[in-house]
Amino acid sequence: MNPHKYEHGPVIDRAHLDRMTGGDQALTLEVLGLFRQQMALWSQSLQPDVAQEDWSDTAHSLKGAARGIGAWALGEVCAQAEAASRDAPLSRDQKRAFYEAMTIQMQEVMGAIAVIEHQIALAS
């Protein structure tokens, strides 16, 4: 399976995020802050040299976290990576391709988080 960009609306689905946080802006900021902090750990654990099982587990964890905040495209790329890694051992090049696709999505999510944090700051 080749990683591809998943087109599904905004980078973060605000309606979904609001449902998950009950519309509580402080909770939204906390959740997004935790996601942002975890991003560095996930990125390290998705390097092509990481052991297959650990790599798959990280893709799974990131998939769930991304879907939790409504980052559907990131969740989809992670789902593809997880499925591919569960089917058969991935080569270093395959892991690198998925890593690059996930990194692009993570960067987009980081930008969207910054925008949401700014919007909340302006509204308060």
PDB file of N, CA and C in Angstrom:
ATOM      1  N   MET A   1       0.854  -1.184   0.000  1.00  0.00           N
ATOM      2  CA  MET A   1       0.000   0.000   0.000  1.00  0.00           C
ATOM      3  C   MET A   1       0.890   1.235   0.000  1.00  0.00           C
ATOM      4  N   ASN A   2       0.606   2.154  -0.849  1.00  0.00           N
ATOM      5  CA  ASN A   2       1.359   3.407  -0.893  1.00  0.00           C
ATOM      6  C   ASN A   2       0.625   4.475  -0.117  1.00  0.00           C
ATOM      7  N   PRO A   3       1.337   5.216   0.701  1.00  0.00           N
ATOM      8  CA  PRO A   3       0.668   6.307   1.436  1.00  0.00           C
ATOM      9  C   PRO A   3       0.228   7.375   0.444  1.00  0.00           C
ATOM     10  N   HIS A   4      -0.940   7.904   0.668  1.00  0.00           N
ATOM     11  CA  HIS A   4      -1.417   9.000  -0.169  1.00  0.00           C
ATOM     12  C   HIS A   4      -2.111  10.025   0.697  1.00  0.00           C
ATOM     13  N   LYS A   5      -2.229  11.202   0.153  1.00  0.00           N
ATOM     14  CA  LYS A   5      -2.894  12.277   0.892  1.00  0.00           C
ATOM     15  C   LYS A   5      -4.391  11.993   0.911  1.00  0.00           C
ATOM     16  N   TYR A   6      -4.961  12.116   2.055  1.00  0.00           N
ATOM     17  CA  TYR A   6      -6.387  11.887   2.265  1.00  0.00           C
ATOM     18  C   TYR A   6      -7.072  13.240   2.295  1.00  0.00           C
ATOM     19  N   GLU A   7      -7.970  13.458   1.378  1.00  0.00           N
ATOM     20  CA  GLU A   7      -8.672  14.740   1.305  1.00  0.00           C
ATOM     21  C   GLU A   7     -10.020  14.605   1.998  1.00  0.00           C
ATOM     22  N   HIS A   8     -10.191  15.336   3.065  1.00  0.00           N
ATOM     23  CA  HIS A   8     -11.460  15.254   3.797  1.00  0.00           C
ATOM     24  C   HIS A   8     -11.703  16.541   4.569  1.00  0.00           C
ATOM     25  N   GLY A   9     -11.797  17.644   3.882  1.00  0.00           N
ATOM     26  CA  GLY A   9     -12.128  18.881   4.565  1.00  0.00           C
ATOM     27  C   GLY A   9     -10.959  19.496   5.293  1.00  0.00           C
ATOM     28  N   PRO A  10     -11.254  20.226   6.375  1.00  0.00           N
ATOM     29  CA  PRO A  10     -10.218  20.952   7.107  1.00  0.00           C
ATOM     30  C   PRO A  10      -9.237  19.989   7.791  1.00  0.00           C
ATOM     31  N   VAL A  11      -8.080  20.503   8.124  1.00  0.00           N
ATOM     32  CA  VAL A  11      -7.051  19.686   8.769  1.00  0.00           C
ATOM     33  C   VAL A  11      -7.566  19.131  10.101  1.00  0.00           C
ATOM     34  N   ILE A  12      -8.243  19.961  10.877  1.00  0.00           N
ATOM     35  CA  ILE A  12      -8.890  19.521  12.118  1.00  0.00           C
ATOM     36  C   ILE A  12     -10.363  19.867  12.021  1.00  0.00           C
ATOM     37  N   ASP A  13     -11.187  18.872  12.202  1.00  0.00           N
ATOM     38  CA  ASP A  13     -12.647  19.032  12.165  1.00  0.00           C
ATOM     39  C   ASP A  13     -13.085  19.661  13.492  1.00  0.00           C
ATOM     40  N   ARG A  14     -13.326  20.966  13.451  1.00  0.00           N
ATOM     41  CA  ARG A  14     -13.661  21.698  14.685  1.00  0.00           C
ATOM     42  C   ARG A  14     -14.962  21.205  15.312  1.00  0.00           C
ATOM     43  N   ALA A  15     -15.928  20.836  14.502  1.00  0.00           N
ATOM     44  CA  ALA A  15     -17.194  20.348  15.062  1.00  0.00           C
ATOM     45  C   ALA A  15     -16.949  19.068  15.863  1.00  0.00           C
ATOM     46  N   HIS A  16     -16.127  18.186  15.334  1.00  0.00           N
ATOM     47  CA  HIS A  16     -15.800  16.952  16.042  1.00  0.00           C
ATOM     48  C   HIS A  16     -15.022  17.265  17.324  1.00  0.00           C
ATOM     49  N   LEU A  17     -14.026  18.142  17.205  1.00  0.00           N
ATOM     50  CA  LEU A  17     -13.223  18.521  18.372  1.00  0.00           C
ATOM     51  C   LEU A  17     -14.116  19.132  19.455  1.00  0.00           C
ATOM     52  N   ASP A  18     -15.039  19.984  19.057  1.00  0.00           N
ATOM     53  CA  ASP A  18     -15.954  20.596  20.024  1.00  0.00           C
ATOM     54  C   ASP A  18     -16.853  19.554  20.689  1.00  0.00           C
ATOM     55  N   ARG A  19     -17.285  18.549  19.913  1.00  0.00           N
ATOM     56  CA  ARG A  19     -18.099  17.475  20.512  1.00  0.00           C
ATOM     57  C   ARG A  19     -17.268  16.697  21.533  1.00  0.00           C
ATOM     58  N   MET A  20     -16.003  16.454  21.208  1.00  0.00           N
ATOM     59  CA  MET A  20     -15.147  15.673  22.099  1.00  0.00           C
ATOM     60  C   MET A  20     -14.809  16.429  23.386  1.00  0.00           C
ATOM     61  N   THR A  21     -14.774  17.753  23.315  1.00  0.00           N
ATOM     62  CA  THR A  21     -14.419  18.563  24.487  1.00  0.00           C
ATOM     63  C   THR A  21     -15.634  19.244  25.095  1.00  0.00           C
ATOM     64  N   GLY A  22     -16.806  18.977  24.569  1.00  0.00           N
ATOM     65  CA  GLY A  22     -18.017  19.604  25.075  1.00  0.00           C
ATOM     66  C   GLY A  22     -18.041  21.106  24.837  1.00  0.00           C
ATOM     67  N   GLY A  23     -17.219  21.557  23.878  1.00  0.00           N
ATOM     68  CA  GLY A  23     -17.166  22.984  23.582  1.00  0.00           C
ATOM     69  C   GLY A  23     -16.400  23.792  24.622  1.00  0.00           C
ATOM     70  N   ASP A  24     -15.810  23.130  25.583  1.00  0.00           N
ATOM     71  CA  ASP A  24     -15.048  23.800  26.644  1.00  0.00           C
ATOM     72  C   ASP A  24     -13.705  24.254  26.066  1.00  0.00           C
ATOM     73  N   GLN A  25     -13.499  25.560  25.986  1.00  0.00           N
ATOM     74  CA  GLN A  25     -12.284  26.078  25.361  1.00  0.00           C
ATOM     75  C   GLN A  25     -11.022  25.725  26.148  1.00  0.00           C
ATOM     76  N   ALA A  26     -11.090  25.736  27.472  1.00  0.00           N
ATOM     77  CA  ALA A  26      -9.928  25.366  28.280  1.00  0.00           C
ATOM     78  C   ALA A  26      -9.555  23.903  28.037  1.00  0.00           C
ATOM     79  N   LEU A  27     -10.561  23.044  27.963  1.00  0.00           N
ATOM     80  CA  LEU A  27     -10.300  21.634  27.698  1.00  0.00           C
ATOM     81  C   LEU A  27      -9.758  21.448  26.283  1.00  0.00           C
ATOM     82  N   THR A  28     -10.291  22.193  25.329  1.00  0.00           N
ATOM     83  CA  THR A  28      -9.795  22.128  23.954  1.00  0.00           C
ATOM     84  C   THR A  28      -8.316  22.483  23.915  1.00  0.00           C
ATOM     85  N   LEU A  29      -7.938  23.556  24.598  1.00  0.00           N
ATOM     86  CA  LEU A  29      -6.537  23.964  24.640  1.00  0.00           C
ATOM     87  C   LEU A  29      -5.674  22.891  25.299  1.00  0.00           C
ATOM     88  N   GLU A  30      -6.180  22.293  26.361  1.00  0.00           N
ATOM     89  CA  GLU A  30      -5.427  21.245  27.049  1.00  0.00           C
ATOM     90  C   GLU A  30      -5.214  20.034  26.143  1.00  0.00           C
ATOM     91  N   VAL A  31      -6.278  19.594  25.485  1.00  0.00           N
ATOM     92  CA  VAL A  31      -6.196  18.430  24.598  1.00  0.00           C
ATOM     93  C   VAL A  31      -5.227  18.698  23.448  1.00  0.00           C
ATOM     94  N   LEU A  32      -5.343  19.869  22.830  1.00  0.00           N
ATOM     95  CA  LEU A  32      -4.454  20.200  21.716  1.00  0.00           C
ATOM     96  C   LEU A  32      -3.008  20.351  22.183  1.00  0.00           C
ATOM     97  N   GLY A  33      -2.820  20.896  23.376  1.00  0.00           N
ATOM     98  CA  GLY A  33      -1.476  21.015  23.927  1.00  0.00           C
ATOM     99  C   GLY A  33      -0.842  19.654  24.178  1.00  0.00           C
ATOM    100  N   LEU A  34      -1.616  18.736  24.714  1.00  0.00           N
ATOM    101  CA  LEU A  34      -1.111  17.378  24.942  1.00  0.00           C
ATOM    102  C   LEU A  34      -0.773  16.695  23.620  1.00  0.00           C
ATOM    103  N   PHE A  35      -1.641  16.878  22.630  1.00  0.00           N
ATOM    104  CA  PHE A  35      -1.393  16.300  21.313  1.00  0.00           C
ATOM    105  C   PHE A  35      -0.080  16.849  20.752  1.00  0.00           C
ATOM    106  N   ARG A  36       0.103  18.159  20.838  1.00  0.00           N
ATOM    107  CA  ARG A  36       1.312  18.806  20.323  1.00  0.00           C
ATOM    108  C   ARG A  36       2.547  18.261  21.031  1.00  0.00           C
ATOM    109  N   GLN A  37       2.475  18.093  22.353  1.00  0.00           N
ATOM    110  CA  GLN A  37       3.612  17.570  23.111  1.00  0.00           C
ATOM    111  C   GLN A  37       3.952  16.144  22.696  1.00  0.00           C
ATOM    112  N   GLN A  38       2.952  15.339  22.476  1.00  0.00           N
ATOM    113  CA  GLN A  38       3.167  13.941  22.087  1.00  0.00           C
ATOM    114  C   GLN A  38       3.725  13.817  20.675  1.00  0.00           C
ATOM    115  N   MET A  39       3.489  14.810  19.847  1.00  0.00           N
ATOM    116  CA  MET A  39       3.897  14.749  18.441  1.00  0.00           C
ATOM    117  C   MET A  39       5.392  14.453  18.307  1.00  0.00           C
ATOM    118  N   ALA A  40       6.238  15.057  19.126  1.00  0.00           N
ATOM    119  CA  ALA A  40       7.683  14.823  19.039  1.00  0.00           C
ATOM    120  C   ALA A  40       8.017  13.363  19.351  1.00  0.00           C
ATOM    121  N   LEU A  41       7.343  12.792  20.339  1.00  0.00           N
ATOM    122  CA  LEU A  41       7.583  11.383  20.684  1.00  0.00           C
ATOM    123  C   LEU A  41       7.131  10.460  19.563  1.00  0.00           C
ATOM    124  N   TRP A  42       5.954  10.755  19.017  1.00  0.00           N
ATOM    125  CA  TRP A  42       5.460   9.929  17.910  1.00  0.00           C
ATOM    126  C   TRP A  42       6.405  10.009  16.724  1.00  0.00           C
ATOM    127  N   SER A  43       6.875  11.192  16.436  1.00  0.00           N
ATOM    128  CA  SER A  43       7.781  11.373  15.301  1.00  0.00           C
ATOM    129  C   SER A  43       9.054  10.539  15.478  1.00  0.00           C
ATOM    130  N   GLN A  44       9.611  10.528  16.666  1.00  0.00           N
ATOM    131  CA  GLN A  44      10.818   9.725  16.937  1.00  0.00           C
ATOM    132  C   GLN A  44      10.531   8.231  16.794  1.00  0.00           C
ATOM    133  N   SER A  45       9.348   7.813  17.236  1.00  0.00           N
ATOM    134  CA  SER A  45       8.996   6.394  17.221  1.00  0.00           C
ATOM    135  C   SER A  45       8.557   5.897  15.852  1.00  0.00           C
ATOM    136  N   LEU A  46       8.451   6.801  14.890  1.00  0.00           N
ATOM    137  CA  LEU A  46       8.076   6.409  13.529  1.00  0.00           C
ATOM    138  C   LEU A  46       9.246   6.488  12.554  1.00  0.00           C
ATOM    139  N   GLN A  47      10.442   6.668  13.092  1.00  0.00           N
ATOM    140  CA  GLN A  47      11.629   6.685  12.245  1.00  0.00           C
ATOM    141  C   GLN A  47      11.765   5.312  11.567  1.00  0.00           C
ATOM    142  N   PRO A  48      12.292   5.278  10.354  1.00  0.00           N
ATOM    143  CA  PRO A  48      12.387   4.006   9.617  1.00  0.00           C
ATOM    144  C   PRO A  48      13.189   2.901  10.308  1.00  0.00           C
ATOM    145  N   ASP A  49      14.101   3.251  11.221  1.00  0.00           N
ATOM    146  CA  ASP A  49      14.925   2.232  11.880  1.00  0.00           C
ATOM    147  C   ASP A  49      14.276   1.615  13.119  1.00  0.00           C
ATOM    148  N   VAL A  50      13.114   2.104  13.508  1.00  0.00           N
ATOM    149  CA  VAL A  50      12.433   1.582  14.696  1.00  0.00           C
ATOM    150  C   VAL A  50      11.911   0.168  14.401  1.00  0.00           C
ATOM    151  N   ALA A  51      11.975  -0.695  15.402  1.00  0.00           N
ATOM    152  CA  ALA A  51      11.501  -2.071  15.254  1.00  0.00           C
ATOM    153  C   ALA A  51      10.046  -2.104  14.794  1.00  0.00           C
ATOM    154  N   GLN A  52       9.733  -3.098  13.979  1.00  0.00           N
ATOM    155  CA  GLN A  52       8.420  -3.208  13.341  1.00  0.00           C
ATOM    156  C   GLN A  52       7.256  -3.105  14.327  1.00  0.00           C
ATOM    157  N   GLU A  53       7.293  -3.881  15.398  1.00  0.00           N
ATOM    158  CA  GLU A  53       6.168  -3.885  16.339  1.00  0.00           C
ATOM    159  C   GLU A  53       6.001  -2.528  17.008  1.00  0.00           C
ATOM    160  N   ASP A  54       7.094  -1.922  17.432  1.00  0.00           N
ATOM    161  CA  ASP A  54       7.020  -0.597  18.045  1.00  0.00           C
ATOM    162  C   ASP A  54       6.510   0.438  17.045  1.00  0.00           C
ATOM    163  N   TRP A  55       6.973   0.325  15.808  1.00  0.00           N
ATOM    164  CA  TRP A  55       6.566   1.238  14.748  1.00  0.00           C
ATOM    165  C   TRP A  55       5.053   1.122  14.526  1.00  0.00           C
ATOM    166  N   SER A  56       4.560  -0.107  14.417  1.00  0.00           N
ATOM    167  CA  SER A  56       3.124  -0.344  14.218  1.00  0.00           C
ATOM    168  C   SER A  56       2.303   0.176  15.386  1.00  0.00           C
ATOM    169  N   ASP A  57       2.786  -0.060  16.609  1.00  0.00           N
ATOM    170  CA  ASP A  57       2.084   0.414  17.795  1.00  0.00           C
ATOM    171  C   ASP A  57       1.997   1.941  17.812  1.00  0.00           C
ATOM    172  N   THR A  58       3.074   2.607  17.394  1.00  0.00           N
ATOM    173  CA  THR A  58       3.068   4.072  17.359  1.00  0.00           C
ATOM    174  C   THR A  58       2.098   4.575  16.293  1.00  0.00           C
ATOM    175  N   ALA A  59       2.104   3.953  15.131  1.00  0.00           N
ATOM    176  CA  ALA A  59       1.154   4.342  14.081  1.00  0.00           C
ATOM    177  C   ALA A  59      -0.283   4.188  14.596  1.00  0.00           C
ATOM    178  N   HIS A  60      -0.530   3.118  15.333  1.00  0.00           N
ATOM    179  CA  HIS A  60      -1.858   2.882  15.905  1.00  0.00           C
ATOM    180  C   HIS A  60      -2.223   3.964  16.926  1.00  0.00           C
ATOM    181  N   SER A  61      -1.288   4.282  17.809  1.00  0.00           N
ATOM    182  CA  SER A  61      -1.542   5.303  18.834  1.00  0.00           C
ATOM    183  C   SER A  61      -1.800   6.667  18.203  1.00  0.00           C
ATOM    184  N   LEU A  62      -0.975   7.030  17.240  1.00  0.00           N
ATOM    185  CA  LEU A  62      -1.144   8.315  16.571  1.00  0.00           C
ATOM    186  C   LEU A  62      -2.461   8.358  15.811  1.00  0.00           C
ATOM    187  N   LYS A  63      -2.847   7.249  15.207  1.00  0.00           N
ATOM    188  CA  LYS A  63      -4.124   7.172  14.488  1.00  0.00           C
ATOM    189  C   LYS A  63      -5.281   7.496  15.434  1.00  0.00           C
ATOM    190  N   GLY A  64      -5.290   6.870  16.593  1.00  0.00           N
ATOM    191  CA  GLY A  64      -6.364   7.102  17.552  1.00  0.00           C
ATOM    192  C   GLY A  64      -6.396   8.530  18.071  1.00  0.00           C
ATOM    193  N   ALA A  65      -5.220   9.059  18.384  1.00  0.00           N
ATOM    194  CA  ALA A  65      -5.147  10.438  18.882  1.00  0.00           C
ATOM    195  C   ALA A  65      -5.589  11.427  17.810  1.00  0.00           C
ATOM    196  N   ALA A  66      -5.160  11.199  16.588  1.00  0.00           N
ATOM    197  CA  ALA A  66      -5.541  12.092  15.485  1.00  0.00           C
ATOM    198  C   ALA A  66      -7.049  12.063  15.267  1.00  0.00           C
ATOM    199  N   ARG A  67      -7.607  10.888  15.268  1.00  0.00           N
ATOM    200  CA  ARG A  67      -9.064  10.782  15.084  1.00  0.00           C
ATOM    201  C   ARG A  67      -9.801  11.405  16.265  1.00  0.00           C
ATOM    202  N   GLY A  68      -9.220  11.333  17.439  1.00  0.00           N
ATOM    203  CA  GLY A  68      -9.844  11.916  18.620  1.00  0.00           C
ATOM    204  C   GLY A  68     -10.015  13.423  18.523  1.00  0.00           C
ATOM    205  N   ILE A  69      -9.061  14.090  17.851  1.00  0.00           N
ATOM    206  CA  ILE A  69      -9.181  15.549  17.713  1.00  0.00           C
ATOM    207  C   ILE A  69      -9.777  15.958  16.368  1.00  0.00           C
ATOM    208  N   GLY A  70     -10.121  14.980  15.545  1.00  0.00           N
ATOM    209  CA  GLY A  70     -10.717  15.301  14.248  1.00  0.00           C
ATOM    210  C   GLY A  70      -9.708  15.592  13.160  1.00  0.00           C
ATOM    211  N   ALA A  71      -8.485  15.091  13.312  1.00  0.00           N
ATOM    212  CA  ALA A  71      -7.460  15.232  12.270  1.00  0.00           C
ATOM    213  C   ALA A  71      -7.553  14.003  11.366  1.00  0.00           C
ATOM    214  N   TRP A  72      -8.591  14.007  10.535  1.00  0.00           N
ATOM    215  CA  TRP A  72      -8.944  12.823   9.748  1.00  0.00           C
ATOM    216  C   TRP A  72      -7.851  12.404   8.777  1.00  0.00           C
ATOM    217  N   ALA A  73      -7.215  13.339   8.088  1.00  0.00           N
ATOM    218  CA  ALA A  73      -6.184  12.988   7.105  1.00  0.00           C
ATOM    219  C   ALA A  73      -5.001  12.309   7.782  1.00  0.00           C
ATOM    220  N   LEU A  74      -4.562  12.851   8.904  1.00  0.00           N
ATOM    221  CA  LEU A  74      -3.471  12.226   9.651  1.00  0.00           C
ATOM    222  C   LEU A  74      -3.895  10.838  10.119  1.00  0.00           C
ATOM    223  N   GLY A  75      -5.104  10.719  10.626  1.00  0.00           N
ATOM    224  CA  GLY A  75      -5.606   9.419  11.060  1.00  0.00           C
ATOM    225  C   GLY A  75      -5.633   8.404   9.930  1.00  0.00           C
ATOM    226  N   GLU A  76      -5.988   8.845   8.743  1.00  0.00           N
ATOM    227  CA  GLU A  76      -6.054   7.936   7.589  1.00  0.00           C
ATOM    228  C   GLU A  76      -4.670   7.465   7.165  1.00  0.00           C
ATOM    229  N   VAL A  77      -3.708   8.365   7.110  1.00  0.00           N
ATOM    230  CA  VAL A  77      -2.344   7.968   6.749  1.00  0.00           C
ATOM    231  C   VAL A  77      -1.802   6.977   7.780  1.00  0.00           C
ATOM    232  N   CYS A  78      -2.090   7.236   9.052  1.00  0.00           N
ATOM    233  CA  CYS A  78      -1.654   6.320  10.113  1.00  0.00           C
ATOM    234  C   CYS A  78      -2.343   4.966   9.988  1.00  0.00           C
ATOM    235  N   ALA A  79      -3.614   4.971   9.631  1.00  0.00           N
ATOM    236  CA  ALA A  79      -4.344   3.713   9.443  1.00  0.00           C
ATOM    237  C   ALA A  79      -3.732   2.904   8.307  1.00  0.00           C
ATOM    238  N   GLN A  80      -3.368   3.583   7.227  1.00  0.00           N
ATOM    239  CA  GLN A  80      -2.719   2.895   6.106  1.00  0.00           C
ATOM    240  C   GLN A  80      -1.378   2.306   6.542  1.00  0.00           C
ATOM    241  N   ALA A  81      -0.610   3.087   7.288  1.00  0.00           N
ATOM    242  CA  ALA A  81       0.698   2.630   7.758  1.00  0.00           C
ATOM    243  C   ALA A  81       0.544   1.434   8.692  1.00  0.00           C
ATOM    244  N   GLU A  82      -0.414   1.543   9.603  1.00  0.00           N
ATOM    245  CA  GLU A  82      -0.634   0.448  10.551  1.00  0.00           C
ATOM    246  C   GLU A  82      -1.055  -0.826   9.828  1.00  0.00           C
ATOM    247  N   ALA A  83      -1.996  -0.696   8.912  1.00  0.00           N
ATOM    248  CA  ALA A  83      -2.474  -1.869   8.177  1.00  0.00           C
ATOM    249  C   ALA A  83      -1.352  -2.512   7.376  1.00  0.00           C
ATOM    250  N   ALA A  84      -0.566  -1.702   6.692  1.00  0.00           N
ATOM    251  CA  ALA A  84       0.536  -2.235   5.898  1.00  0.00           C
ATOM    252  C   ALA A  84       1.556  -2.943   6.789  1.00  0.00           C
ATOM    253  N   SER A  85       1.831  -2.376   7.943  1.00  0.00           N
ATOM    254  CA  SER A  85       2.842  -2.964   8.828  1.00  0.00           C
ATOM    255  C   SER A  85       2.332  -4.215   9.523  1.00  0.00           C
ATOM    256  N   ARG A  86       1.044  -4.351   9.653  1.00  0.00           N
ATOM    257  CA  ARG A  86       0.479  -5.556  10.275  1.00  0.00           C
ATOM    258  C   ARG A  86       0.411  -6.711   9.266  1.00  0.00           C
ATOM    259  N   ASP A  87       0.288  -6.363   7.969  1.00  0.00           N
ATOM    260  CA  ASP A  87       0.184  -7.392   6.927  1.00  0.00           C
ATOM    261  C   ASP A  87       1.500  -8.121   6.698  1.00  0.00           C
ATOM    262  N   ALA A  88       2.593  -7.363   6.718  1.00  0.00           N
ATOM    263  CA  ALA A  88       3.917  -7.943   6.457  1.00  0.00           C
ATOM    264  C   ALA A  88       4.973  -6.964   6.961  1.00  0.00           C
ATOM    265  N   PRO A  89       6.153  -7.469   7.245  1.00  0.00           N
ATOM    266  CA  PRO A  89       7.216  -6.546   7.662  1.00  0.00           C
ATOM    267  C   PRO A  89       7.473  -5.501   6.571  1.00  0.00           C
ATOM    268  N   LEU A  90       7.603  -4.261   6.989  1.00  0.00           N
ATOM    269  CA  LEU A  90       7.867  -3.186   6.037  1.00  0.00           C
ATOM    270  C   LEU A  90       9.371  -2.993   5.885  1.00  0.00           C
ATOM    271  N   SER A  91       9.773  -2.687   4.672  1.00  0.00           N
ATOM    272  CA  SER A  91      11.175  -2.352   4.446  1.00  0.00           C
ATOM    273  C   SER A  91      11.446  -0.965   5.021  1.00  0.00           C
ATOM    274  N   ARG A  92      12.704  -0.647   5.156  1.00  0.00           N
ATOM    275  CA  ARG A  92      13.092   0.683   5.632  1.00  0.00           C
ATOM    276  C   ARG A  92      12.530   1.754   4.700  1.00  0.00           C
ATOM    277  N   ASP A  93      12.565   1.496   3.389  1.00  0.00           N
ATOM    278  CA  ASP A  93      12.042   2.466   2.416  1.00  0.00           C
ATOM    279  C   ASP A  93      10.531   2.631   2.549  1.00  0.00           C
ATOM    280  N   GLN A  94       9.824   1.550   2.810  1.00  0.00           N
ATOM    281  CA  GLN A  94       8.378   1.657   3.010  1.00  0.00           C
ATOM    282  C   GLN A  94       8.063   2.465   4.265  1.00  0.00           C
ATOM    283  N   LYS A  95       8.797   2.178   5.339  1.00  0.00           N
ATOM    284  CA  LYS A  95       8.604   2.948   6.571  1.00  0.00           C
ATOM    285  C   LYS A  95       8.915   4.420   6.325  1.00  0.00           C
ATOM    286  N   ARG A  96       9.970   4.683   5.569  1.00  0.00           N
ATOM    287  CA  ARG A  96      10.344   6.067   5.279  1.00  0.00           C
ATOM    288  C   ARG A  96       9.232   6.773   4.503  1.00  0.00           C
ATOM    289  N   ALA A  97       8.630   6.103   3.529  1.00  0.00           N
ATOM    290  CA  ALA A  97       7.539   6.704   2.741  1.00  0.00           C
ATOM    291  C   ALA A  97       6.354   7.032   3.641  1.00  0.00           C
ATOM    292  N   PHE A  98       5.994   6.119   4.515  1.00  0.00           N
ATOM    293  CA  PHE A  98       4.902   6.388   5.452  1.00  0.00           C
ATOM    294  C   PHE A  98       5.287   7.494   6.426  1.00  0.00           C
ATOM    295  N   TYR A  99       6.513   7.440   6.909  1.00  0.00           N
ATOM    296  CA  TYR A  99       6.988   8.474   7.836  1.00  0.00           C
ATOM    297  C   TYR A  99       6.877   9.856   7.193  1.00  0.00           C
ATOM    298  N   GLU A 100       7.296   9.967   5.952  1.00  0.00           N
ATOM    299  CA  GLU A 100       7.227  11.256   5.255  1.00  0.00           C
ATOM    300  C   GLU A 100       5.778  11.715   5.096  1.00  0.00           C
ATOM    301  N   ALA A 101       4.883  10.788   4.736  1.00  0.00           N
ATOM    302  CA  ALA A 101       3.465  11.143   4.586  1.00  0.00           C
ATOM    303  C   ALA A 101       2.871  11.565   5.931  1.00  0.00           C
ATOM    304  N   MET A 102       3.210  10.831   6.994  1.00  0.00           N
ATOM    305  CA  MET A 102       2.697  11.178   8.318  1.00  0.00           C
ATOM    306  C   MET A 102       3.282  12.503   8.800  1.00  0.00           C
ATOM    307  N   THR A 103       4.554  12.750   8.500  1.00  0.00           N
ATOM    308  CA  THR A 103       5.189  14.001   8.911  1.00  0.00           C
ATOM    309  C   THR A 103       4.518  15.196   8.243  1.00  0.00           C
ATOM    310  N   ILE A 104       4.210  15.091   6.973  1.00  0.00           N
ATOM    311  CA  ILE A 104       3.498  16.173   6.273  1.00  0.00           C
ATOM    312  C   ILE A 104       2.174  16.451   6.967  1.00  0.00           C
ATOM    313  N   GLN A 105       1.445  15.395   7.283  1.00  0.00           N
ATOM    314  CA  GLN A 105       0.150  15.564   7.959  1.00  0.00           C
ATOM    315  C   GLN A 105       0.333  16.128   9.361  1.00  0.00           C
ATOM    316  N   MET A 106       1.358  15.660  10.085  1.00  0.00           N
ATOM    317  CA  MET A 106       1.598  16.178  11.435  1.00  0.00           C
ATOM    318  C   MET A 106       1.923  17.667  11.393  1.00  0.00           C
ATOM    319  N   GLN A 107       2.684  18.088  10.393  1.00  0.00           N
ATOM    320  CA  GLN A 107       2.996  19.512  10.250  1.00  0.00           C
ATOM    321  C   GLN A 107       1.729  20.325   9.978  1.00  0.00           C
ATOM    322  N   GLU A 108       0.856  19.793   9.153  1.00  0.00           N
ATOM    323  CA  GLU A 108      -0.407  20.481   8.885  1.00  0.00           C
ATOM    324  C   GLU A 108      -1.256  20.572  10.147  1.00  0.00           C
ATOM    325  N   VAL A 109      -1.279  19.502  10.929  1.00  0.00           N
ATOM    326  CA  VAL A 109      -2.032  19.502  12.187  1.00  0.00           C
ATOM    327  C   VAL A 109      -1.430  20.523  13.159  1.00  0.00           C
ATOM    328  N   MET A 110      -0.109  20.595  13.221  1.00  0.00           N
ATOM    329  CA  MET A 110       0.535  21.577  14.107  1.00  0.00           C
ATOM    330  C   MET A 110       0.119  22.997  13.718  1.00  0.00           C
ATOM    331  N   GLY A 111       0.066  23.268  12.436  1.00  0.00           N
ATOM    332  CA  GLY A 111      -0.377  24.581  11.971  1.00  0.00           C
ATOM    333  C   GLY A 111      -1.821  24.845  12.341  1.00  0.00           C
ATOM    334  N   ALA A 112      -2.668  23.841  12.180  1.00  0.00           N
ATOM    335  CA  ALA A 112      -4.086  23.988  12.522  1.00  0.00           C
ATOM    336  C   ALA A 112      -4.261  24.191  14.023  1.00  0.00           C
ATOM    337  N   ILE A 113      -3.473  23.502  14.825  1.00  0.00           N
ATOM    338  CA  ILE A 113      -3.537  23.680  16.278  1.00  0.00           C
ATOM    339  C   ILE A 113      -3.174  25.115  16.643  1.00  0.00           C
ATOM    340  N   ALA A 114      -2.133  25.650  16.019  1.00  0.00           N
ATOM    341  CA  ALA A 114      -1.729  27.037  16.289  1.00  0.00           C
ATOM    342  C   ALA A 114      -2.851  28.006  15.956  1.00  0.00           C
ATOM    343  N   VAL A 115      -3.542  27.769  14.852  1.00  0.00           N
ATOM    344  CA  VAL A 115      -4.659  28.642  14.454  1.00  0.00           C
ATOM    345  C   VAL A 115      -5.784  28.556  15.481  1.00  0.00           C
ATOM    346  N   ILE A 116      -6.134  27.347  15.891  1.00  0.00           N
ATOM    347  CA  ILE A 116      -7.212  27.173  16.870  1.00  0.00           C
ATOM    348  C   ILE A 116      -6.835  27.836  18.197  1.00  0.00           C
ATOM    349  N   GLU A 117      -5.611  27.635  18.639  1.00  0.00           N
ATOM    350  CA  GLU A 117      -5.167  28.266  19.882  1.00  0.00           C
ATOM    351  C   GLU A 117      -5.241  29.789  19.776  1.00  0.00           C
ATOM    352  N   HIS A 118      -4.863  30.325  18.641  1.00  0.00           N
ATOM    353  CA  HIS A 118      -4.928  31.777  18.424  1.00  0.00           C
ATOM    354  C   HIS A 118      -6.373  32.262  18.429  1.00  0.00           C
ATOM    355  N   GLN A 119      -7.256  31.525  17.758  1.00  0.00           N
ATOM    356  CA  GLN A 119      -8.673  31.909  17.734  1.00  0.00           C
ATOM    357  C   GLN A 119      -9.272  31.925  19.123  1.00  0.00           C
ATOM    358  N   ILE A 120      -8.936  30.925  19.922  1.00  0.00           N
ATOM    359  CA  ILE A 120      -9.448  30.855  21.292  1.00  0.00           C
ATOM    360  C   ILE A 120      -8.888  32.010  22.112  1.00  0.00           C
ATOM    361  N   ALA A 121      -7.617  32.318  21.931  1.00  0.00           N
ATOM    362  CA  ALA A 121      -7.010  33.441  22.667  1.00  0.00           C
ATOM    363  C   ALA A 121      -7.692  34.756  22.296  1.00  0.00           C
ATOM    364  N   LEU A 122      -7.994  34.949  21.043  1.00  0.00           N
ATOM    365  CA  LEU A 122      -8.667  36.170  20.611  1.00  0.00           C
ATOM    366  C   LEU A 122     -10.095  36.289  21.158  1.00  0.00           C
ATOM    367  N   ALA A 123     -10.750  35.128  21.294  1.00  0.00           N
ATOM    368  CA  ALA A 123     -12.143  35.129  21.753  1.00  0.00           C
ATOM    369  C   ALA A 123     -12.254  35.346  23.269  1.00  0.00           C
ATOM    370  N   SER A 124     -11.167  35.131  23.999  1.00  0.00           N
ATOM    371  CA  SER A 124     -11.264  35.259  25.457  1.00  0.00           C
ATOM    372  C   SER A 124     -10.834  36.616  25.960  1.00  0.00           C
TER     373      SER A 124
END
